[in-house]
Amino acid sequence: MGKKIKKEVEPPPKDVFDPLLIESKKAATVVLMLNSPEEEVLAKACDAIYKFASKGDENKVTLLSLGAVEPLFKLISHEDPIVRKNATMVFGIMASNSDVKKLLRELDVTNSLIARLVPEEDVIIHEFASLCLAHMAVEYTSKVQIFEQGGLEPLIRLLSSPDPDVKKNSAECIYHLVQDFQSRAAVRELNVIPPLLELLKSEYPVIQLLALKTLGVISNDKETRIILRENQGLDHLFKILETKEFNDLHVEALAVVANCLEDVDTMQLIQQTGGLKKLLSFAETSTIPDIQKNAAKAISKAAYDSENRKILHEQEVEKCLITLLGTDNDGVKTAVSQAISAMCENLASKDAFGIQGIPQLVQLLSSDNEEVKEAAAMALANLTTANPGNASSVAEAEGIEPLINVLSTKRDGAVANAAIVLTNMATQEPLRLSIQSHSIMNAIVEPLQSTNSQVQSKAVLTVAAFGCDADARTELRNAGGLEPLVKLLHSRNEEVRRNACWAAVVCASDELTAVELCRLGALDILEEINLSMGRRNHFSERALDKLLDNDLSQKYSQLGYLSFSNIITDSFYDYGQVKPGVKLLSLEELSTQELNDRRAVILVNIKPPEVALTVEEKLQDLVYGRPINLLPSSTFRKSSKERASAVVSPVDEKQESSGRPSSLSKGSTREKGSRKGKGKKEEEKPKEEEEFQIAPKIQEEVTLEKLPWLPPFDFILLDYINDASKTILPLATTKEQVVALAQFVAGNMGGPIEKDKLHEFSWELHISEIKFEQKCNVIPIGKIKKGTFYHRALLFKVIADRIGVGCTLVRGEYTRAWNEVKLVDDSPQGITGLLLPPQVYVVDLMYQPGCLMKQGSAEADHYKLI
């Protein structure tokens, strides 16, 4: 037998590790395995981490804290397809966590993810890479990164992927990206419309919805709408709207249609194909509020174009909107009211809404929803603008009180629009008076104090609209509305400032309001505005002029001009030219100044001393109605101190002032009969002893009472006016009156002066003598017997105003001043009945009194020059 030989087994290489199966229940251990050089270990570790992360957000946070993201980031670009796929899956699932996304942005993973979207990659990689990008595209920074790194093109390509998850993720990512305008323009160039329209045919609603939402965003651009129309996109949209099973897509489909309707070509196409009628019917019959709201928004967008409004009106869109207005949903009511506002640009639509739409809109003014209230007020504002019929309909629908109530709401748009409606209604006097009865001026004070420029602007226009009535101005004044109005004159907003100036013009129509405006500083503000070339406007100039109309002395000194409508009244005085912003001293202050060498202040006053009569009447009441001679007329020419110390005497006083009778009674306490100042006869009491016992007490009381200062009474001027009334007023024509008055004025002020001897006419000395005689810088114009240009022009204006002859008063350089009159020239020979427009003439009061020089002629210009 042979001997068996035992074969020896060779031992394995010393550097090879035997296979080892490891089970781990710790995430930290698996995360450590992500750094393994073995592909199989990496693949299994990524798979395990994917399963762990899929269980919830807490696990994702755990993996983040264990440092899993950084090694996973390296693995999505691994050369092994399985490792690459599994790592991408982990990223796709973990990117839904905000903290993970933040780290991904810091690591700039988008470039690596976009690289995974190439056609050669596995569809699973496409799915989770696009999912990760979709999560990240929500943030603006990531949007920019994806756009700049060329992510749009592969994402659009993947819209045609056979895998629905890839389509869904790609569509979602694109939807987020197109929120930025750069991406919207880019996707249009990359021809995104056809694949998006194909997605509308998907069997998955979520994909259809994402496609519609993306189309809704990109169709805001006109160029995209054109492409959409060229690709029959409207057909796809209307098919969705006509399919009841797609009712969950109708809202988004309507949003796209709304954008498309902005284009006239699209509107005409829809009208021709019957789509517009279907759309309106669909909106009217739907019971889904979001659909109704989007339909109204579609109409609003379309109505911004005039041609579209015409088409919509032809389709009787008004009926549809009025029906929708009755929907019990605030969002729908708001959208419909906005659509009505947009359609109001069409005059026919504005009339169509009036009868049925206005009552419903008025009801919405009382809504608890502020947005509804604002939208309704805006619709009414548009409906009533330049439409008196609709303004009347608002009143008939009992809309005045709700509108005034809206003025006190906190929503600026509602307040501004309510103010517009009330302003529109105020153009009709019956409506204006009706609104006034609801205390509109009280209600408008709060909007005047608003910080919103739109509210301020509309509120001051409302003040201007109602301020034409005296009662309304009184109400505004009493309500404290003038103070905020004056503050708005300071506004930096040009529209607010302009409207506030206009309101000031209207409110200054009565003296009380004008005085209050001046007290609040309106005059100073307007003067400041008019000195600025940038801020001044026609209304600011008119407002200043209007305020000065209530202080003609200040106006003439400041502006050097009084118009035909500026009627000079008693206590007017010509101080001379002053710079803008300089305030004149009062007449009393000027009268009490010591004599100076300044030019004399010329006074106009024929008002009798009524205050003295009032005091006398009080005395008569105390002595049983007996007339008492209170003070002699000479007392009124004394100083305030002398008048205050005057003693009442029951004895008759002789009257001064050139023998003219005093306006006071001349009777003593012993006289019987009546006094004209009382207006009725007063019987004398029989008990004289009793009267004389009372008189000393009365004297004592009146002596203690300080009488107010009164300007001196100009008897000579009164004679001038009486003479002119008797001799000039009866003349047949205005021209004859003007000529006669010019000659009358010149005759009483030194007569005609030869031009070459004007320097010899010593009027200055004469004026100085009057000042010395009066011991006062203020002299009555009637005292002047040698008057130069500005004296004569003033006297001409004073008398002309009293007898009803219209003229201006214009101050020139130095001593020059002149009057302008308007006269109608005679008809040319051979032509009868021809009414010519009036011509302006300058009246000569110096050289050839009564000569009329046509304004603008060389003769008139020479008269005005020194």
Foldseek 3Di string as FASTA:
>chain_A
DDDDDDDDDDDDDPPDDDDDDDDDPDLLVLLVQLPPPDPVSLLVSLQVLLVQLQVDLVSLVVCVVSVSLVSLLVQCPDPDLSSVLSSLSNLLSSLLDPVSLVVCVVVVSLLSLLVQLDPVHDVSSLLSSLSNLLSNLLDPSSLVSCVVSVSLLSLLVQCPPPDVSSVLSSLSNLLSNVVDVVSLVVVVVSVSQVSLLVQCPDPDLSSNQSSLSSLLRSLLDVVVLVVCVVVVVVVSLVVLLVDPVNVVNLLSSLSNLLSNLLDPVSLVVCVVVVNVLVLLVSLQPDPDLSNVLSSLSSLLNNLQDPSSLVVCVVSVSLVSLLSQCPDPDLSNVLSSLSSLLSSLVDVVSLVVCQPRPLLSLLVQLPDPDPSNNLSSLSNLLSSLVVPQSSLVSCVVSVNLVSLLVQCPDPDQSNNLSSLSSLLSNLVDPVSLVVSVVVVSLLSLQVLLPDPDLSSVLSSLSSLLSNLLDPVSLVSNVVSVSLLSLLVQCVDPDLSNVLSSLSSLLSSLPDLVSLVVNVVSPSLVSLLVQVVDPVRDDPSSVSSNVSSCLSVVQVVCQEVQKDFLPSADDFFRKHPHHDYRPDDDDHPLVQFPDFDDPDAFIEGAHQDAPVLQVVLQCVVCVVLQNQGAQADELVLLLDRLVSVLQDFGDLAFDQHDDPRDDHPGDRHGSPDAWADVVVVDIGGRDDDVVVNVVCVVVSRVVSSNDRGDRDDRHDVLLVVLLVVLLVPQLVDDDLLSSQLVLLQSLLQQAPHADAPVCPVVQPQVVVSVVQCVVSSGSYDYLSSHRHDDAQSSQVSSSNSCSSSVFGWMWGDAPDRHIWIKHWDWDDDPPPDPPDGDGTFIWIADNYHNGSDTHGPPDPVVVVSRDD
